[in-house]
Amino acid sequence: MSIFCMLVHLLTLFWSLSFAAVVPLGIVDIAPADSYPTALQACHGPLCPIPQPAPRAPPSLTSIPVMNCKGNHWCQGYKTDTMKVFKDMVDKLPDYKQFWDGEHIACLKKGTFPDLTPATICMFFEHTSGRTLDAALVKKSVQFFIIKDCKICGTIATEDDGLFENGALTVNYVLHP
């Protein structure tokens, strides 16, 4: 049984190839893996592959998601309606462009605050657990910021569960863009 499990696992990994496996009775031609059950369906025992969790489906954002218009206290000193400027910036991005957790998608630097602190507001994903999220999601999220009348800073959940800790798009003041 364990040899069968190993073969099924190999066939699953290399589905487009045909193999010749040596068995005690001789050489048997094995068809491509798509004609066999998957490793998880047919394989049982200690040598079978460990099932991996299915990847999360991309969030749908079909209704207005959980969000807020809060940010660092420096956001209050910024006089520009950043969301409309960000919308113009991200609308130029291809929908398939991917962004990592913390990667600045767009930034607006506009002079300095009275204490000479650089006035930079950036848009970035956070709490994505190493996943990348695409520009299509950024575009939808920015539109929701505008609908909610968030002008400068804010955070919007990127997952349908509405929890910021499972993924969020944030627009906030950053010290080092």
N, C-alpha and C. Protein backbone atom coordinates (compact mmCIF):
# COMPACT_ATOMS: atom_id res chain seq x y z
N MET A 1 0.82 -1.20 0.00
CA MET A 1 0.00 0.00 0.00
C MET A 1 0.86 1.25 0.00
N SER A 2 1.98 1.25 0.70
CA SER A 2 2.80 2.46 0.76
C SER A 2 3.45 2.76 -0.59
N ILE A 3 3.79 1.74 -1.38
CA ILE A 3 4.33 1.98 -2.72
C ILE A 3 3.26 2.63 -3.59
N PHE A 4 2.05 2.14 -3.47
CA PHE A 4 0.94 2.74 -4.22
C PHE A 4 0.77 4.21 -3.86
N CYS A 5 0.83 4.51 -2.57
CA CYS A 5 0.68 5.90 -2.12
C CYS A 5 1.79 6.78 -2.70
N MET A 6 3.01 6.28 -2.68
CA MET A 6 4.12 7.06 -3.22
C MET A 6 3.93 7.29 -4.71
N LEU A 7 3.48 6.25 -5.43
CA LEU A 7 3.26 6.41 -6.87
C LEU A 7 2.14 7.40 -7.15
N VAL A 8 1.07 7.31 -6.41
CA VAL A 8 -0.03 8.26 -6.61
C VAL A 8 0.45 9.68 -6.34
N HIS A 9 1.26 9.84 -5.31
CA HIS A 9 1.80 11.17 -4.99
C HIS A 9 2.68 11.68 -6.13
N LEU A 10 3.56 10.83 -6.64
CA LEU A 10 4.42 11.24 -7.75
C LEU A 10 3.60 11.58 -8.99
N LEU A 11 2.60 10.77 -9.25
CA LEU A 11 1.76 11.04 -10.41
C LEU A 11 0.99 12.35 -10.26
N THR A 12 0.58 12.64 -9.05
CA THR A 12 -0.12 13.90 -8.82
C THR A 12 0.80 15.08 -9.09
N LEU A 13 2.06 14.96 -8.69
CA LEU A 13 3.03 16.05 -8.90
C LEU A 13 3.42 16.20 -10.36
N PHE A 14 3.49 15.11 -11.08
CA PHE A 14 3.96 15.14 -12.48
C PHE A 14 2.86 14.62 -13.40
N TRP A 15 1.70 15.24 -13.35
CA TRP A 15 0.51 14.74 -14.02
C TRP A 15 0.66 14.63 -15.53
N SER A 16 1.53 15.38 -16.13
CA SER A 16 1.60 15.36 -17.59
C SER A 16 2.60 14.33 -18.13
N LEU A 17 3.30 13.65 -17.26
CA LEU A 17 4.31 12.69 -17.71
C LEU A 17 3.80 11.26 -17.58
N SER A 18 4.31 10.37 -18.42
CA SER A 18 4.04 8.94 -18.25
C SER A 18 5.28 8.31 -17.65
N PHE A 19 5.09 7.36 -16.77
CA PHE A 19 6.20 6.71 -16.08
C PHE A 19 6.19 5.21 -16.40
N ALA A 20 7.31 4.60 -16.18
CA ALA A 20 7.39 3.14 -16.18
C ALA A 20 7.83 2.74 -14.79
N ALA A 21 7.00 1.99 -14.08
CA ALA A 21 7.33 1.60 -12.71
C ALA A 21 7.71 0.13 -12.70
N VAL A 22 8.72 -0.19 -11.95
CA VAL A 22 9.15 -1.58 -11.83
C VAL A 22 8.40 -2.21 -10.68
N VAL A 23 7.73 -3.30 -10.97
CA VAL A 23 7.01 -4.05 -9.94
C VAL A 23 7.48 -5.49 -10.04
N PRO A 24 7.24 -6.32 -9.06
CA PRO A 24 7.76 -7.69 -9.10
C PRO A 24 7.38 -8.47 -10.34
N LEU A 25 6.28 -8.16 -11.00
CA LEU A 25 5.86 -8.92 -12.17
C LEU A 25 6.45 -8.39 -13.47
N GLY A 26 7.17 -7.28 -13.45
CA GLY A 26 7.74 -6.73 -14.67
C GLY A 26 7.51 -5.23 -14.74
N ILE A 27 7.61 -4.69 -15.95
CA ILE A 27 7.44 -3.26 -16.14
C ILE A 27 6.00 -3.00 -16.57
N VAL A 28 5.37 -2.05 -15.89
CA VAL A 28 3.99 -1.70 -16.18
C VAL A 28 3.95 -0.23 -16.56
N ASP A 29 3.31 0.10 -17.67
CA ASP A 29 3.19 1.49 -18.08
C ASP A 29 2.07 2.13 -17.25
N ILE A 30 2.37 3.29 -16.68
CA ILE A 30 1.40 3.99 -15.84
C ILE A 30 0.92 5.21 -16.60
N ALA A 31 -0.38 5.39 -16.70
CA ALA A 31 -0.97 6.52 -17.42
C ALA A 31 -0.76 7.82 -16.65
N PRO A 32 -0.97 8.96 -17.30
CA PRO A 32 -0.85 10.25 -16.60
C PRO A 32 -1.74 10.29 -15.37
N ALA A 33 -1.34 11.11 -14.40
CA ALA A 33 -2.01 11.14 -13.10
C ALA A 33 -3.45 11.59 -13.17
N ASP A 34 -3.83 12.34 -14.20
CA ASP A 34 -5.21 12.81 -14.22
C ASP A 34 -6.20 11.67 -14.44
N SER A 35 -5.72 10.47 -14.78
CA SER A 35 -6.62 9.34 -14.92
C SER A 35 -6.74 8.53 -13.62
N TYR A 36 -6.00 8.93 -12.58
CA TYR A 36 -6.02 8.24 -11.29
C TYR A 36 -6.66 9.14 -10.24
N PRO A 37 -7.12 8.56 -9.15
CA PRO A 37 -7.63 9.39 -8.06
C PRO A 37 -6.49 10.24 -7.50
N THR A 38 -6.83 11.34 -6.90
CA THR A 38 -5.80 12.18 -6.29
C THR A 38 -5.21 11.47 -5.10
N ALA A 39 -4.06 11.97 -4.65
CA ALA A 39 -3.38 11.37 -3.52
C ALA A 39 -4.25 11.40 -2.27
N LEU A 40 -5.03 12.45 -2.10
CA LEU A 40 -5.87 12.55 -0.91
C LEU A 40 -7.05 11.59 -0.97
N GLN A 41 -7.50 11.22 -2.18
CA GLN A 41 -8.62 10.30 -2.29
C GLN A 41 -8.18 8.86 -2.11
N ALA A 42 -7.01 8.49 -2.65
CA ALA A 42 -6.63 7.09 -2.70
C ALA A 42 -5.57 6.70 -1.69
N CYS A 43 -4.92 7.64 -1.08
CA CYS A 43 -3.76 7.33 -0.27
C CYS A 43 -4.09 7.40 1.22
N HIS A 44 -3.78 6.35 1.93
CA HIS A 44 -3.98 6.30 3.37
C HIS A 44 -2.74 5.67 3.97
N GLY A 45 -2.29 6.17 5.11
CA GLY A 45 -1.14 5.57 5.76
C GLY A 45 -0.05 6.59 6.05
N PRO A 46 1.03 6.13 6.69
CA PRO A 46 2.06 7.05 7.16
C PRO A 46 2.88 7.69 6.04
N LEU A 47 2.94 7.12 4.84
CA LEU A 47 3.75 7.68 3.77
C LEU A 47 2.95 8.56 2.82
N CYS A 48 1.69 8.75 3.09
CA CYS A 48 0.87 9.58 2.22
C CYS A 48 1.16 11.05 2.48
N PRO A 49 0.98 11.88 1.46
CA PRO A 49 1.26 13.30 1.65
C PRO A 49 0.32 13.94 2.66
N ILE A 50 0.82 14.93 3.36
CA ILE A 50 0.01 15.67 4.32
C ILE A 50 -0.84 16.67 3.56
N PRO A 51 -2.13 16.67 3.75
CA PRO A 51 -2.97 17.62 3.01
C PRO A 51 -2.64 19.05 3.41
N GLN A 52 -2.60 19.93 2.42
CA GLN A 52 -2.33 21.34 2.65
C GLN A 52 -3.66 22.09 2.64
N PRO A 53 -3.75 23.17 3.44
CA PRO A 53 -4.99 23.93 3.41
C PRO A 53 -5.20 24.57 2.05
N ALA A 54 -6.44 24.66 1.65
CA ALA A 54 -6.75 25.28 0.36
C ALA A 54 -6.44 26.77 0.43
N PRO A 55 -5.95 27.35 -0.66
CA PRO A 55 -5.69 28.79 -0.63
C PRO A 55 -7.00 29.56 -0.47
N ARG A 56 -6.91 30.70 0.20
CA ARG A 56 -8.10 31.52 0.38
C ARG A 56 -8.57 32.08 -0.95
N ALA A 57 -9.86 32.12 -1.11
CA ALA A 57 -10.42 32.75 -2.31
C ALA A 57 -10.23 34.26 -2.18
N PRO A 58 -10.03 34.95 -3.29
CA PRO A 58 -9.90 36.40 -3.18
C PRO A 58 -11.18 37.01 -2.63
N PRO A 59 -11.03 38.05 -1.81
CA PRO A 59 -12.23 38.66 -1.25
C PRO A 59 -13.12 39.24 -2.33
N SER A 60 -14.41 39.25 -2.08
CA SER A 60 -15.33 39.71 -3.11
C SER A 60 -15.65 41.21 -3.00
N LEU A 61 -15.69 41.71 -1.78
CA LEU A 61 -16.05 43.12 -1.55
C LEU A 61 -17.29 43.53 -2.35
N THR A 62 -18.32 42.70 -2.28
CA THR A 62 -19.54 43.00 -3.02
C THR A 62 -20.43 43.98 -2.27
N SER A 63 -20.36 44.00 -0.96
CA SER A 63 -21.08 45.00 -0.18
C SER A 63 -20.04 45.85 0.54
N ILE A 64 -20.47 46.95 1.12
CA ILE A 64 -19.49 47.82 1.77
C ILE A 64 -18.85 47.06 2.92
N PRO A 65 -17.53 46.88 2.88
CA PRO A 65 -16.84 46.10 3.91
C PRO A 65 -16.64 46.91 5.19
N VAL A 66 -16.15 46.22 6.21
CA VAL A 66 -15.81 46.88 7.47
C VAL A 66 -14.66 47.83 7.21
N MET A 67 -14.82 49.07 7.65
CA MET A 67 -13.78 50.07 7.40
C MET A 67 -13.90 51.20 8.40
N ASN A 68 -12.85 52.03 8.44
CA ASN A 68 -12.90 53.24 9.24
C ASN A 68 -12.10 54.32 8.52
N CYS A 69 -12.26 55.54 8.96
CA CYS A 69 -11.55 56.68 8.37
C CYS A 69 -10.51 57.22 9.36
N LYS A 70 -9.93 56.33 10.14
CA LYS A 70 -8.97 56.74 11.16
C LYS A 70 -7.55 56.53 10.67
N GLY A 71 -6.63 57.23 11.31
CA GLY A 71 -5.22 57.07 11.01
C GLY A 71 -4.40 57.77 12.08
N ASN A 72 -3.12 57.90 11.82
CA ASN A 72 -2.21 58.59 12.71
C ASN A 72 -2.70 60.03 12.91
N HIS A 73 -2.33 60.65 14.03
CA HIS A 73 -2.79 62.02 14.28
C HIS A 73 -2.28 63.00 13.22
N TRP A 74 -1.21 62.63 12.48
CA TRP A 74 -0.71 63.51 11.42
C TRP A 74 -1.69 63.59 10.25
N CYS A 75 -2.57 62.63 10.13
CA CYS A 75 -3.55 62.67 9.04
C CYS A 75 -4.42 63.91 9.13
N GLN A 76 -4.69 64.35 10.35
CA GLN A 76 -5.55 65.52 10.53
C GLN A 76 -4.93 66.78 9.96
N GLY A 77 -3.61 66.86 9.93
CA GLY A 77 -2.95 68.06 9.42
C GLY A 77 -2.79 68.08 7.91
N TYR A 78 -3.18 67.02 7.26
CA TYR A 78 -3.04 66.92 5.81
C TYR A 78 -4.30 67.46 5.18
N LYS A 79 -4.20 68.45 4.35
CA LYS A 79 -5.38 69.17 3.84
C LYS A 79 -5.91 68.65 2.51
N THR A 80 -5.20 67.77 1.86
CA THR A 80 -5.63 67.28 0.54
C THR A 80 -6.59 66.10 0.70
N ASP A 81 -7.56 65.99 -0.20
CA ASP A 81 -8.45 64.82 -0.25
C ASP A 81 -7.66 63.69 -0.90
N THR A 82 -6.89 62.98 -0.09
CA THR A 82 -5.95 61.99 -0.63
C THR A 82 -6.63 60.85 -1.37
N MET A 83 -7.82 60.46 -0.94
CA MET A 83 -8.47 59.30 -1.56
C MET A 83 -8.74 59.53 -3.04
N LYS A 84 -9.13 60.73 -3.41
CA LYS A 84 -9.38 61.01 -4.83
C LYS A 84 -8.07 61.03 -5.62
N VAL A 85 -7.01 61.52 -5.00
CA VAL A 85 -5.70 61.51 -5.66
C VAL A 85 -5.21 60.06 -5.79
N PHE A 86 -5.36 59.27 -4.73
CA PHE A 86 -4.97 57.86 -4.80
C PHE A 86 -5.79 57.12 -5.85
N LYS A 87 -7.07 57.43 -5.95
CA LYS A 87 -7.90 56.77 -6.96
C LYS A 87 -7.35 57.02 -8.35
N ASP A 88 -6.98 58.26 -8.64
CA ASP A 88 -6.38 58.58 -9.95
C ASP A 88 -5.09 57.79 -10.16
N MET A 89 -4.30 57.63 -9.10
CA MET A 89 -3.03 56.90 -9.21
C MET A 89 -3.25 55.41 -9.44
N VAL A 90 -4.12 54.78 -8.64
CA VAL A 90 -4.28 53.33 -8.74
C VAL A 90 -5.10 52.92 -9.95
N ASP A 91 -5.94 53.81 -10.48
CA ASP A 91 -6.69 53.47 -11.69
C ASP A 91 -5.76 53.22 -12.87
N LYS A 92 -4.54 53.71 -12.81
CA LYS A 92 -3.56 53.51 -13.89
C LYS A 92 -2.82 52.17 -13.76
N LEU A 93 -2.97 51.50 -12.63
CA LEU A 93 -2.28 50.22 -12.42
C LEU A 93 -3.04 49.09 -13.13
N PRO A 94 -2.31 48.11 -13.68
CA PRO A 94 -3.00 46.94 -14.23
C PRO A 94 -3.63 46.13 -13.09
N ASP A 95 -4.82 45.60 -13.30
CA ASP A 95 -5.53 44.86 -12.26
C ASP A 95 -4.72 43.69 -11.69
N TYR A 96 -3.87 43.08 -12.50
CA TYR A 96 -3.13 41.89 -12.07
C TYR A 96 -1.90 42.22 -11.23
N LYS A 97 -1.49 43.48 -11.12
CA LYS A 97 -0.29 43.84 -10.36
C LYS A 97 -0.48 43.42 -8.91
N GLN A 98 0.52 42.72 -8.37
CA GLN A 98 0.45 42.18 -7.01
C GLN A 98 1.26 43.05 -6.04
N PHE A 99 0.77 43.14 -4.80
CA PHE A 99 1.45 43.90 -3.77
C PHE A 99 1.61 43.04 -2.52
N TRP A 100 2.77 43.14 -1.89
CA TRP A 100 3.09 42.41 -0.67
C TRP A 100 2.61 43.18 0.55
N ASP A 101 2.52 42.51 1.65
CA ASP A 101 2.22 43.12 2.94
C ASP A 101 3.24 44.22 3.22
N GLY A 102 2.78 45.43 3.47
CA GLY A 102 3.66 46.54 3.81
C GLY A 102 4.25 47.29 2.62
N GLU A 103 4.14 46.73 1.43
CA GLU A 103 4.68 47.40 0.24
C GLU A 103 3.83 48.64 -0.06
N HIS A 104 4.50 49.77 -0.27
CA HIS A 104 3.76 51.00 -0.56
C HIS A 104 3.21 50.94 -1.98
N ILE A 105 1.91 51.02 -2.09
CA ILE A 105 1.23 50.98 -3.38
C ILE A 105 1.28 52.36 -4.02
N ALA A 106 1.05 53.38 -3.22
CA ALA A 106 1.11 54.76 -3.68
C ALA A 106 1.38 55.65 -2.47
N CYS A 107 2.09 56.73 -2.68
CA CYS A 107 2.39 57.67 -1.61
C CYS A 107 2.21 59.10 -2.11
N LEU A 108 1.78 59.96 -1.21
CA LEU A 108 1.67 61.38 -1.50
C LEU A 108 2.56 62.13 -0.52
N LYS A 109 3.54 62.82 -1.03
CA LYS A 109 4.41 63.61 -0.18
C LYS A 109 4.13 65.07 -0.50
N LYS A 110 3.75 65.79 0.50
CA LYS A 110 3.38 67.18 0.27
C LYS A 110 4.01 68.05 1.35
N GLY A 111 5.23 68.48 1.13
CA GLY A 111 5.89 69.40 2.05
C GLY A 111 6.13 68.79 3.41
N THR A 112 6.07 69.63 4.43
CA THR A 112 6.29 69.17 5.80
C THR A 112 5.25 69.80 6.71
N PHE A 113 5.07 69.15 7.84
CA PHE A 113 4.20 69.71 8.87
C PHE A 113 4.99 70.79 9.61
N PRO A 114 4.32 71.59 10.43
CA PRO A 114 5.00 72.70 11.11
C PRO A 114 6.26 72.31 11.88
N ASP A 115 6.33 71.10 12.42
CA ASP A 115 7.54 70.71 13.17
C ASP A 115 8.60 70.07 12.27
N LEU A 116 8.49 70.27 10.96
CA LEU A 116 9.43 69.77 9.94
C LEU A 116 9.36 68.26 9.73
N THR A 117 8.33 67.61 10.25
CA THR A 117 8.12 66.19 9.98
C THR A 117 7.65 66.06 8.54
N PRO A 118 8.27 65.16 7.75
CA PRO A 118 7.80 65.00 6.36
C PRO A 118 6.33 64.59 6.33
N ALA A 119 5.58 65.22 5.47
CA ALA A 119 4.14 64.94 5.36
C ALA A 119 3.93 63.93 4.25
N THR A 120 3.94 62.65 4.58
CA THR A 120 3.77 61.60 3.58
C THR A 120 2.65 60.66 4.01
N ILE A 121 1.69 60.49 3.13
CA ILE A 121 0.59 59.56 3.35
C ILE A 121 0.76 58.45 2.31
N CYS A 122 0.77 57.19 2.77
CA CYS A 122 0.95 56.06 1.85
C CYS A 122 -0.20 55.07 1.99
N MET A 123 -0.39 54.32 0.92
CA MET A 123 -1.38 53.25 0.85
C MET A 123 -0.63 51.93 0.80
N PHE A 124 -1.05 50.97 1.65
CA PHE A 124 -0.36 49.67 1.71
C PHE A 124 -1.28 48.63 2.32
N PHE A 125 -1.00 47.35 2.00
CA PHE A 125 -1.71 46.24 2.63
C PHE A 125 -0.99 45.89 3.92
N GLU A 126 -1.74 45.42 4.91
CA GLU A 126 -1.13 44.90 6.13
C GLU A 126 -1.91 43.69 6.63
N HIS A 127 -1.23 42.88 7.43
CA HIS A 127 -1.81 41.66 8.03
C HIS A 127 -2.28 40.66 6.97
N THR A 128 -1.53 40.51 5.89
CA THR A 128 -1.95 39.60 4.82
C THR A 128 -1.33 38.21 4.94
N SER A 129 -0.61 37.94 6.01
CA SER A 129 -0.02 36.62 6.25
C SER A 129 0.84 36.14 5.09
N GLY A 130 1.59 37.04 4.50
CA GLY A 130 2.50 36.67 3.43
C GLY A 130 1.86 36.57 2.06
N ARG A 131 0.55 36.77 1.97
CA ARG A 131 -0.12 36.71 0.67
C ARG A 131 0.06 38.03 -0.06
N THR A 132 0.04 37.97 -1.37
CA THR A 132 -0.01 39.20 -2.16
C THR A 132 -1.46 39.43 -2.56
N LEU A 133 -1.81 40.70 -2.68
CA LEU A 133 -3.15 41.06 -3.13
C LEU A 133 -3.00 41.97 -4.33
N ASP A 134 -4.00 41.99 -5.18
CA ASP A 134 -3.83 42.66 -6.48
C ASP A 134 -4.42 44.07 -6.53
N ALA A 135 -4.05 44.76 -7.62
CA ALA A 135 -4.48 46.14 -7.83
C ALA A 135 -5.99 46.24 -8.03
N ALA A 136 -6.62 45.19 -8.54
CA ALA A 136 -8.08 45.22 -8.69
C ALA A 136 -8.75 45.41 -7.33
N LEU A 137 -8.23 44.74 -6.30
CA LEU A 137 -8.76 44.89 -4.95
C LEU A 137 -8.48 46.30 -4.41
N VAL A 138 -7.31 46.84 -4.72
CA VAL A 138 -6.97 48.21 -4.30
C VAL A 138 -7.99 49.18 -4.89
N LYS A 139 -8.28 49.03 -6.17
CA LYS A 139 -9.21 49.94 -6.85
C LYS A 139 -10.60 49.89 -6.21
N LYS A 140 -11.10 48.68 -5.92
CA LYS A 140 -12.41 48.55 -5.27
C LYS A 140 -12.39 49.20 -3.89
N SER A 141 -11.31 48.96 -3.15
CA SER A 141 -11.22 49.47 -1.79
C SER A 141 -11.18 50.99 -1.77
N VAL A 142 -10.41 51.60 -2.67
CA VAL A 142 -10.34 53.06 -2.72
C VAL A 142 -11.72 53.63 -3.05
N GLN A 143 -12.45 52.97 -3.90
CA GLN A 143 -13.80 53.43 -4.22
C GLN A 143 -14.69 53.41 -2.98
N PHE A 144 -14.54 52.38 -2.13
CA PHE A 144 -15.31 52.34 -0.89
C PHE A 144 -14.90 53.45 0.06
N PHE A 145 -13.60 53.79 0.12
CA PHE A 145 -13.17 54.93 0.94
C PHE A 145 -13.89 56.20 0.49
N ILE A 146 -13.98 56.39 -0.81
CA ILE A 146 -14.63 57.59 -1.35
C ILE A 146 -16.13 57.58 -1.04
N ILE A 147 -16.78 56.42 -1.20
CA ILE A 147 -18.21 56.30 -0.89
C ILE A 147 -18.46 56.64 0.58
N LYS A 148 -17.60 56.17 1.46
CA LYS A 148 -17.75 56.40 2.91
C LYS A 148 -17.31 57.82 3.29
N ASP A 149 -16.75 58.57 2.34
CA ASP A 149 -16.29 59.94 2.54
C ASP A 149 -15.06 60.02 3.44
N CYS A 150 -14.21 58.99 3.36
CA CYS A 150 -12.90 59.06 4.02
C CYS A 150 -12.03 59.94 3.12
N LYS A 151 -11.52 61.02 3.63
CA LYS A 151 -10.79 61.96 2.79
C LYS A 151 -9.28 61.76 2.84
N ILE A 152 -8.73 61.39 3.99
CA ILE A 152 -7.28 61.40 4.13
C ILE A 152 -6.73 60.02 4.48
N CYS A 153 -7.12 59.48 5.62
CA CYS A 153 -6.59 58.19 6.08
C CYS A 153 -7.74 57.23 6.35
N GLY A 154 -7.41 55.95 6.47
CA GLY A 154 -8.41 54.96 6.79
C GLY A 154 -7.90 53.55 6.60
N THR A 155 -8.70 52.60 7.03
CA THR A 155 -8.38 51.17 6.90
C THR A 155 -9.65 50.45 6.48
N ILE A 156 -9.49 49.51 5.56
CA ILE A 156 -10.62 48.73 5.06
C ILE A 156 -10.23 47.25 5.08
N ALA A 157 -11.11 46.41 5.61
CA ALA A 157 -10.84 44.97 5.65
C ALA A 157 -10.82 44.42 4.23
N THR A 158 -9.86 43.57 3.94
CA THR A 158 -9.77 42.97 2.61
C THR A 158 -10.41 41.59 2.54
N GLU A 159 -10.75 41.04 3.69
CA GLU A 159 -11.38 39.72 3.72
C GLU A 159 -12.86 39.88 4.04
N ASP A 160 -13.67 38.97 3.54
CA ASP A 160 -15.11 39.03 3.76
C ASP A 160 -15.50 38.88 5.22
N ASP A 161 -14.58 38.36 6.07
CA ASP A 161 -14.91 38.22 7.49
C ASP A 161 -14.88 39.56 8.22
N GLY A 162 -14.37 40.62 7.58
CA GLY A 162 -14.38 41.96 8.15
C GLY A 162 -13.36 42.21 9.24
N LEU A 163 -12.44 41.28 9.45
CA LEU A 163 -11.43 41.45 10.49
C LEU A 163 -10.16 42.06 9.91
N PHE A 164 -9.75 43.20 10.44
CA PHE A 164 -8.54 43.86 9.95
C PHE A 164 -7.31 42.97 10.14
N GLU A 165 -7.31 42.16 11.19
CA GLU A 165 -6.14 41.32 11.45
C GLU A 165 -6.00 40.18 10.44
N ASN A 166 -7.00 39.97 9.58
CA ASN A 166 -6.90 38.96 8.52
C ASN A 166 -6.58 39.58 7.17
N GLY A 167 -6.31 40.86 7.17
CA GLY A 167 -5.95 41.57 5.94
C GLY A 167 -6.66 42.90 5.86
N ALA A 168 -5.89 43.93 5.52
CA ALA A 168 -6.48 45.27 5.42
C ALA A 168 -5.69 46.10 4.43
N LEU A 169 -6.38 47.01 3.78
CA LEU A 169 -5.73 48.05 2.99
C LEU A 169 -5.77 49.30 3.85
N THR A 170 -4.61 49.89 4.09
CA THR A 170 -4.50 51.04 4.97
C THR A 170 -3.95 52.23 4.22
N VAL A 171 -4.51 53.39 4.50
CA VAL A 171 -3.97 54.66 4.02
C VAL A 171 -3.64 55.44 5.29
N ASN A 172 -2.35 55.76 5.47
CA ASN A 172 -1.94 56.37 6.72
C ASN A 172 -0.64 57.14 6.53
N TYR A 173 -0.34 57.99 7.49
CA TYR A 173 0.92 58.71 7.54
C TYR A 173 2.05 57.71 7.75
N VAL A 174 3.14 57.87 7.03
CA VAL A 174 4.34 57.06 7.25
C VAL A 174 5.53 57.99 7.40
N LEU A 175 6.44 57.62 8.28
CA LEU A 175 7.62 58.44 8.54
C LEU A 175 8.66 58.30 7.44
N HIS A 176 8.88 57.06 6.98
CA HIS A 176 9.90 56.80 5.96
C HIS A 176 9.27 56.09 4.77
N PRO A 177 8.80 56.85 3.78
CA PRO A 177 8.14 56.22 2.62
C PRO A 177 9.11 55.44 1.75
